[in-house]
Amino acid sequence: MAAPARHGTSRVWARQPRVWRAGGFTIVEPLVLVILLAIVVSGTAVVLTSVNRSSAEARRVVTMDEDIDSQLAEIKQLSGRLTCCSSVCTVTPPTVVGATANCATANPLDSRYFYPQRDDPATTATIAGTSPATSDERAAVDQLCASGAFLNPLVTAVNALAQPAGVTRTAAAQANRTIRVIYTDTVNARVTRVANITPPMARWCP
């Protein structure tokens, strides 16, 4: 018996999923590109922000240091004007000077500016701040020097100065006849400058 005739070979067509393309790229590829660009832009923004903050902080510190330097120069000028020639210590130059006055000169560059040139016989009342009490100008200044009280007017004058921006300042008399001025950066609570200033008047203390 003859084999049945074959009308044709059966074919199996493999169906593969179609991938839609737009302009030659799959939809996934632009999405990946967008994500990568977002990461790069984000990272760049972080770096730029950090650089800007560092630059701003550097500028702030430079300005702060300049302000402190300027004020320390002012404080040194104040210290140079400290005198006890009238037996009352002050950073204000005397207005009454001369051979018959307690203060010989109003010029801080003159060595006679600091210490009383005589015991004024007209002074009979006790001079403030003396212990034991005395009416002798020279003895009074010696006592103020020994106690360190001669520095008080300078400390008061320093504390009356405006604070530089971004810092706090403290000033206090020290045992070695100097004043210590401390500046603290308020942004990071860090001591940024310590200055020990000895006024010329200290050299005239016995």
C-alpha atoms as a PDB file:
ATOM      1  CA  MET A   1       0.000   0.000   0.000  1.00  0.00           C
ATOM      2  CA  ALA A   2       1.420   3.267  -0.987  1.00  0.00           C
ATOM      3  CA  ALA A   3       2.250   5.864   1.665  1.00  0.00           C
ATOM      4  CA  PRO A   4      -0.124   8.737   1.858  1.00  0.00           C
ATOM      5  CA  ALA A   5       0.983  11.730  -0.070  1.00  0.00           C
ATOM      6  CA  ARG A   6       2.554  14.535   1.971  1.00  0.00           C
ATOM      7  CA  HIS A   7       1.048  17.846   1.137  1.00  0.00           C
ATOM      8  CA  GLY A   8       3.948  19.770   2.660  1.00  0.00           C
ATOM      9  CA  THR A   9       6.455  19.894   5.449  1.00  0.00           C
ATOM     10  CA  SER A  10       5.060  21.378   8.653  1.00  0.00           C
ATOM     11  CA  ARG A  11       7.090  24.354   9.839  1.00  0.00           C
ATOM     12  CA  VAL A  12       7.379  25.730  13.342  1.00  0.00           C
ATOM     13  CA  TRP A  13       7.868  29.448  13.383  1.00  0.00           C
ATOM     14  CA  ALA A  14       9.665  30.627  16.533  1.00  0.00           C
ATOM     15  CA  ARG A  15       7.993  33.726  17.741  1.00  0.00           C
ATOM     16  CA  GLN A  16      10.357  36.139  19.433  1.00  0.00           C
ATOM     17  CA  PRO A  17       9.163  39.183  21.281  1.00  0.00           C
ATOM     18  CA  ARG A  18       9.490  42.375  19.380  1.00  0.00           C
ATOM     19  CA  VAL A  19      11.406  45.206  20.994  1.00  0.00           C
ATOM     20  CA  TRP A  20      10.090  48.578  20.094  1.00  0.00           C
ATOM     21  CA  ARG A  21      12.785  50.982  19.129  1.00  0.00           C
ATOM     22  CA  ALA A  22      12.621  54.728  18.829  1.00  0.00           C
ATOM     23  CA  GLY A  23      15.235  56.303  16.632  1.00  0.00           C
ATOM     24  CA  GLY A  24      17.490  53.297  16.880  1.00  0.00           C
ATOM     25  CA  PHE A  25      17.484  53.096  20.718  1.00  0.00           C
ATOM     26  CA  THR A  26      15.433  50.949  22.988  1.00  0.00           C
ATOM     27  CA  ILE A  27      13.275  52.692  25.590  1.00  0.00           C
ATOM     28  CA  VAL A  28      15.551  51.335  28.328  1.00  0.00           C
ATOM     29  CA  GLU A  29      18.671  53.040  26.995  1.00  0.00           C
ATOM     30  CA  PRO A  30      17.382  56.644  27.295  1.00  0.00           C
ATOM     31  CA  LEU A  31      16.154  55.877  30.803  1.00  0.00           C
ATOM     32  CA  VAL A  32      19.609  54.622  31.813  1.00  0.00           C
ATOM     33  CA  LEU A  33      21.179  57.705  30.238  1.00  0.00           C
ATOM     34  CA  VAL A  34      18.837  60.015  32.142  1.00  0.00           C
ATOM     35  CA  ILE A  35      19.633  58.246  35.416  1.00  0.00           C
ATOM     36  CA  LEU A  36      23.392  58.479  34.788  1.00  0.00           C
ATOM     37  CA  LEU A  37      23.117  62.173  33.936  1.00  0.00           C
ATOM     38  CA  ALA A  38      21.095  62.777  37.107  1.00  0.00           C
ATOM     39  CA  ILE A  39      23.802  61.067  39.179  1.00  0.00           C
ATOM     40  CA  VAL A  40      26.557  63.126  37.530  1.00  0.00           C
ATOM     41  CA  VAL A  41      24.651  66.401  37.939  1.00  0.00           C
ATOM     42  CA  SER A  42      23.830  65.592  41.546  1.00  0.00           C
ATOM     43  CA  GLY A  43      27.452  64.754  42.331  1.00  0.00           C
ATOM     44  CA  THR A  44      28.647  67.939  40.620  1.00  0.00           C
ATOM     45  CA  ALA A  45      26.155  70.014  42.608  1.00  0.00           C
ATOM     46  CA  VAL A  46      27.413  68.499  45.871  1.00  0.00           C
ATOM     47  CA  VAL A  47      31.016  69.261  44.961  1.00  0.00           C
ATOM     48  CA  LEU A  48      30.196  72.837  43.920  1.00  0.00           C
ATOM     49  CA  THR A  49      28.220  73.414  47.118  1.00  0.00           C
ATOM     50  CA  SER A  50      31.140  72.134  49.179  1.00  0.00           C
ATOM     51  CA  VAL A  51      33.607  74.346  47.283  1.00  0.00           C
ATOM     52  CA  ASN A  52      31.370  77.385  47.725  1.00  0.00           C
ATOM     53  CA  ARG A  53      31.041  76.725  51.450  1.00  0.00           C
ATOM     54  CA  SER A  54      34.796  76.318  51.816  1.00  0.00           C
ATOM     55  CA  SER A  55      35.395  79.553  49.905  1.00  0.00           C
ATOM     56  CA  ALA A  56      32.849  81.433  52.010  1.00  0.00           C
ATOM     57  CA  GLU A  57      34.412  80.111  55.230  1.00  0.00           C
ATOM     58  CA  ALA A  58      37.897  81.076  54.041  1.00  0.00           C
ATOM     59  CA  ARG A  59      36.701  84.611  53.255  1.00  0.00           C
ATOM     60  CA  ARG A  60      34.995  84.844  56.651  1.00  0.00           C
ATOM     61  CA  VAL A  61      38.143  83.765  58.495  1.00  0.00           C
ATOM     62  CA  VAL A  62      40.314  86.223  56.550  1.00  0.00           C
ATOM     63  CA  THR A  63      37.930  89.095  57.335  1.00  0.00           C
ATOM     64  CA  MET A  64      37.751  88.046  60.989  1.00  0.00           C
ATOM     65  CA  ASP A  65      41.555  87.949  61.296  1.00  0.00           C
ATOM     66  CA  GLU A  66      41.844  91.390  59.693  1.00  0.00           C
ATOM     67  CA  ASP A  67      39.281  92.811  62.144  1.00  0.00           C
ATOM     68  CA  ILE A  68      41.129  91.269  65.098  1.00  0.00           C
ATOM     69  CA  ASP A  69      44.468  92.622  63.880  1.00  0.00           C
ATOM     70  CA  SER A  70      42.945  96.083  63.524  1.00  0.00           C
ATOM     71  CA  GLN A  71      41.468  95.984  67.004  1.00  0.00           C
ATOM     72  CA  LEU A  72      44.671  94.706  68.608  1.00  0.00           C
ATOM     73  CA  ALA A  73      46.477  97.677  67.073  1.00  0.00           C
ATOM     74  CA  GLU A  74      43.850  99.935  68.672  1.00  0.00           C
ATOM     75  CA  ILE A  75      44.292  98.199  72.039  1.00  0.00           C
ATOM     76  CA  LYS A  76      48.059  98.667  71.872  1.00  0.00           C
ATOM     77  CA  GLN A  77      47.485 102.373  71.265  1.00  0.00           C
ATOM     78  CA  LEU A  78      45.235 102.472  74.321  1.00  0.00           C
ATOM     79  CA  SER A  79      47.869 100.672  76.387  1.00  0.00           C
ATOM     80  CA  GLY A  80      50.443 103.227  75.281  1.00  0.00           C
ATOM     81  CA  ARG A  81      48.258 106.024  76.662  1.00  0.00           C
ATOM     82  CA  LEU A  82      47.795 104.430  80.095  1.00  0.00           C
ATOM     83  CA  THR A  83      49.277 106.805  82.673  1.00  0.00           C
ATOM     84  CA  CYS A  84      49.164 107.242  86.426  1.00  0.00           C
ATOM     85  CA  CYS A  85      50.985 110.593  86.536  1.00  0.00           C
ATOM     86  CA  SER A  86      48.141 112.306  88.397  1.00  0.00           C
ATOM     87  CA  SER A  87      47.860 109.379  90.857  1.00  0.00           C
ATOM     88  CA  VAL A  88      44.632 108.415  89.060  1.00  0.00           C
ATOM     89  CA  CYS A  89      45.379 105.840  86.374  1.00  0.00           C
ATOM     90  CA  THR A  90      43.680 106.504  83.053  1.00  0.00           C
ATOM     91  CA  VAL A  91      44.050 105.956  79.296  1.00  0.00           C
ATOM     92  CA  THR A  92      43.187 109.616  78.665  1.00  0.00           C
ATOM     93  CA  PRO A  93      46.217 111.924  78.372  1.00  0.00           C
ATOM     94  CA  PRO A  94      46.287 114.620  81.082  1.00  0.00           C
ATOM     95  CA  THR A  95      45.164 118.153  80.274  1.00  0.00           C
ATOM     96  CA  VAL A  96      47.004 119.862  83.143  1.00  0.00           C
ATOM     97  CA  VAL A  97      50.747 119.515  82.665  1.00  0.00           C
ATOM     98  CA  GLY A  98      53.890 121.437  83.444  1.00  0.00           C
ATOM     99  CA  ALA A  99      56.612 121.944  86.008  1.00  0.00           C
ATOM    100  CA  THR A 100      54.156 122.705  88.807  1.00  0.00           C
ATOM    101  CA  ALA A 101      51.679 119.947  87.884  1.00  0.00           C
ATOM    102  CA  ASN A 102      51.783 116.305  88.856  1.00  0.00           C
ATOM    103  CA  CYS A 103      51.993 115.374  85.152  1.00  0.00           C
ATOM    104  CA  ALA A 104      54.962 116.776  83.297  1.00  0.00           C
ATOM    105  CA  THR A 105      53.636 116.156  79.777  1.00  0.00           C
ATOM    106  CA  ALA A 106      50.678 114.920  77.732  1.00  0.00           C
ATOM    107  CA  ASN A 107      52.966 113.160  75.252  1.00  0.00           C
ATOM    108  CA  PRO A 108      53.005 109.350  75.704  1.00  0.00           C
ATOM    109  CA  LEU A 109      56.363 109.245  73.898  1.00  0.00           C
ATOM    110  CA  ASP A 110      57.945 111.254  76.730  1.00  0.00           C
ATOM    111  CA  SER A 111      59.141 109.106  79.632  1.00  0.00           C
ATOM    112  CA  ARG A 112      57.796 111.701  82.100  1.00  0.00           C
ATOM    113  CA  TYR A 113      54.261 110.950  80.889  1.00  0.00           C
ATOM    114  CA  PHE A 114      53.666 107.923  83.124  1.00  0.00           C
ATOM    115  CA  TYR A 115      54.715 108.593  86.715  1.00  0.00           C
ATOM    116  CA  PRO A 116      53.975 111.554  89.047  1.00  0.00           C
ATOM    117  CA  GLN A 117      56.858 113.986  88.976  1.00  0.00           C
ATOM    118  CA  ARG A 118      56.221 115.107  92.547  1.00  0.00           C
ATOM    119  CA  ASP A 119      54.154 114.724  95.684  1.00  0.00           C
ATOM    120  CA  ASP A 120      51.721 117.595  95.334  1.00  0.00           C
ATOM    121  CA  PRO A 121      51.644 119.440  98.686  1.00  0.00           C
ATOM    122  CA  ALA A 122      48.141 120.663  97.855  1.00  0.00           C
ATOM    123  CA  THR A 123      46.863 117.078  97.984  1.00  0.00           C
ATOM    124  CA  THR A 124      45.839 116.441 101.571  1.00  0.00           C
ATOM    125  CA  ALA A 125      42.930 114.059 101.073  1.00  0.00           C
ATOM    126  CA  THR A 126      43.425 110.318 100.849  1.00  0.00           C
ATOM    127  CA  ILE A 127      43.931 109.179  97.267  1.00  0.00           C
ATOM    128  CA  ALA A 128      41.318 106.658  96.163  1.00  0.00           C
ATOM    129  CA  GLY A 129      42.375 103.025  96.050  1.00  0.00           C
ATOM    130  CA  THR A 130      45.243 103.314  98.516  1.00  0.00           C
ATOM    131  CA  SER A 131      45.768 101.024 101.476  1.00  0.00           C
ATOM    132  CA  PRO A 132      47.258 102.132 103.761  1.00  0.00           C
ATOM    133  CA  ALA A 133      45.618 105.437 102.944  1.00  0.00           C
ATOM    134  CA  THR A 134      47.927 108.120 101.629  1.00  0.00           C
ATOM    135  CA  SER A 135      47.763 111.561 100.066  1.00  0.00           C
ATOM    136  CA  ASP A 136      51.193 111.161  98.461  1.00  0.00           C
ATOM    137  CA  GLU A 137      50.814 110.790  94.678  1.00  0.00           C
ATOM    138  CA  ARG A 138      53.948 108.709  94.263  1.00  0.00           C
ATOM    139  CA  ALA A 139      53.132 106.428  97.165  1.00  0.00           C
ATOM    140  CA  ALA A 140      49.609 106.004  95.780  1.00  0.00           C
ATOM    141  CA  VAL A 141      50.882 104.970  92.346  1.00  0.00           C
ATOM    142  CA  ASP A 142      53.319 102.536  93.942  1.00  0.00           C
ATOM    143  CA  GLN A 143      50.378 100.907  95.719  1.00  0.00           C
ATOM    144  CA  LEU A 144      48.285 100.756  92.533  1.00  0.00           C
ATOM    145  CA  CYS A 145      51.222  99.125  90.765  1.00  0.00           C
ATOM    146  CA  ALA A 146      51.776  96.598  93.531  1.00  0.00           C
ATOM    147  CA  SER A 147      48.132  95.506  93.535  1.00  0.00           C
ATOM    148  CA  GLY A 148      47.822  95.505  89.760  1.00  0.00           C
ATOM    149  CA  ALA A 149      44.932  97.980  89.989  1.00  0.00           C
ATOM    150  CA  PHE A 150      46.764 100.365  87.660  1.00  0.00           C
ATOM    151  CA  LEU A 151      45.668  98.053  84.796  1.00  0.00           C
ATOM    152  CA  ASN A 152      41.945  98.353  85.552  1.00  0.00           C
ATOM    153  CA  PRO A 153      41.327 101.472  83.410  1.00  0.00           C
ATOM    154  CA  LEU A 154      42.956  99.758  80.428  1.00  0.00           C
ATOM    155  CA  VAL A 155      40.834  96.618  80.862  1.00  0.00           C
ATOM    156  CA  THR A 156      37.714  98.800  81.130  1.00  0.00           C
ATOM    157  CA  ALA A 157      38.650 100.683  77.945  1.00  0.00           C
ATOM    158  CA  VAL A 158      39.240  97.417  76.050  1.00  0.00           C
ATOM    159  CA  ASN A 159      35.923  95.977  77.177  1.00  0.00           C
ATOM    160  CA  ALA A 160      34.188  99.139  75.952  1.00  0.00           C
ATOM    161  CA  LEU A 161      35.374  98.526  72.381  1.00  0.00           C
ATOM    162  CA  ALA A 162      32.935  96.992  69.908  1.00  0.00           C
ATOM    163  CA  GLN A 163      33.317  93.259  69.356  1.00  0.00           C
ATOM    164  CA  PRO A 164      34.612  92.303  65.894  1.00  0.00           C
ATOM    165  CA  ALA A 165      32.019  90.466  63.806  1.00  0.00           C
ATOM    166  CA  GLY A 166      31.866  86.743  64.453  1.00  0.00           C
ATOM    167  CA  VAL A 167      33.970  86.682  67.630  1.00  0.00           C
ATOM    168  CA  THR A 168      33.661  87.226  71.341  1.00  0.00           C
ATOM    169  CA  ARG A 169      36.431  89.004  73.227  1.00  0.00           C
ATOM    170  CA  THR A 170      37.533  88.856  76.859  1.00  0.00           C
ATOM    171  CA  ALA A 171      40.184  90.985  78.546  1.00  0.00           C
ATOM    172  CA  ALA A 172      41.658  90.514  82.015  1.00  0.00           C
ATOM    173  CA  ALA A 173      44.627  91.772  84.003  1.00  0.00           C
ATOM    174  CA  GLN A 174      47.391  89.248  84.674  1.00  0.00           C
ATOM    175  CA  ALA A 175      49.790  88.907  87.597  1.00  0.00           C
ATOM    176  CA  ASN A 176      52.796  89.859  85.443  1.00  0.00           C
ATOM    177  CA  ARG A 177      51.443  93.392  84.818  1.00  0.00           C
ATOM    178  CA  THR A 178      50.021  92.563  81.424  1.00  0.00           C
ATOM    179  CA  ILE A 179      46.491  92.244  80.124  1.00  0.00           C
ATOM    180  CA  ARG A 180      45.425  89.149  78.243  1.00  0.00           C
ATOM    181  CA  VAL A 181      42.976  89.581  75.387  1.00  0.00           C
ATOM    182  CA  ILE A 182      41.290  86.437  74.035  1.00  0.00           C
ATOM    183  CA  TYR A 183      39.215  86.230  70.856  1.00  0.00           C
ATOM    184  CA  THR A 184      36.910  83.252  70.318  1.00  0.00           C
ATOM    185  CA  ASP A 185      35.350  82.384  66.952  1.00  0.00           C
ATOM    186  CA  THR A 186      31.607  82.135  67.620  1.00  0.00           C
ATOM    187  CA  VAL A 187      30.973  79.908  64.593  1.00  0.00           C
ATOM    188  CA  ASN A 188      32.985  76.949  65.886  1.00  0.00           C
ATOM    189  CA  ALA A 189      33.590  78.034  69.510  1.00  0.00           C
ATOM    190  CA  ARG A 190      37.341  77.964  68.888  1.00  0.00           C
ATOM    191  CA  VAL A 191      39.879  80.344  70.448  1.00  0.00           C
ATOM    192  CA  THR A 192      41.371  82.077  67.453  1.00  0.00           C
ATOM    193  CA  ARG A 193      43.731  84.603  69.060  1.00  0.00           C
ATOM    194  CA  VAL A 194      45.409  85.239  72.425  1.00  0.00           C
ATOM    195  CA  ALA A 195      47.368  88.459  72.931  1.00  0.00           C
ATOM    196  CA  ASN A 196      49.333  89.461  76.018  1.00  0.00           C
ATOM    197  CA  ILE A 197      49.878  93.220  76.101  1.00  0.00           C
ATOM    198  CA  THR A 198      52.192  94.993  78.529  1.00  0.00           C
ATOM    199  CA  PRO A 199      51.543  98.739  78.704  1.00  0.00           C
ATOM    200  CA  PRO A 200      54.598 101.035  78.912  1.00  0.00           C
ATOM    201  CA  MET A 201      53.273 102.225  82.290  1.00  0.00           C
ATOM    202  CA  ALA A 202      54.236  98.826  83.729  1.00  0.00           C
ATOM    203  CA  ARG A 203      57.915  99.674  83.266  1.00  0.00           C
ATOM    204  CA  TRP A 204      57.530 102.616  85.625  1.00  0.00           C
ATOM    205  CA  CYS A 205      56.042 100.547  88.410  1.00  0.00           C
ATOM    206  CA  PRO A 206      58.575  99.875  91.181  1.00  0.00           C
END
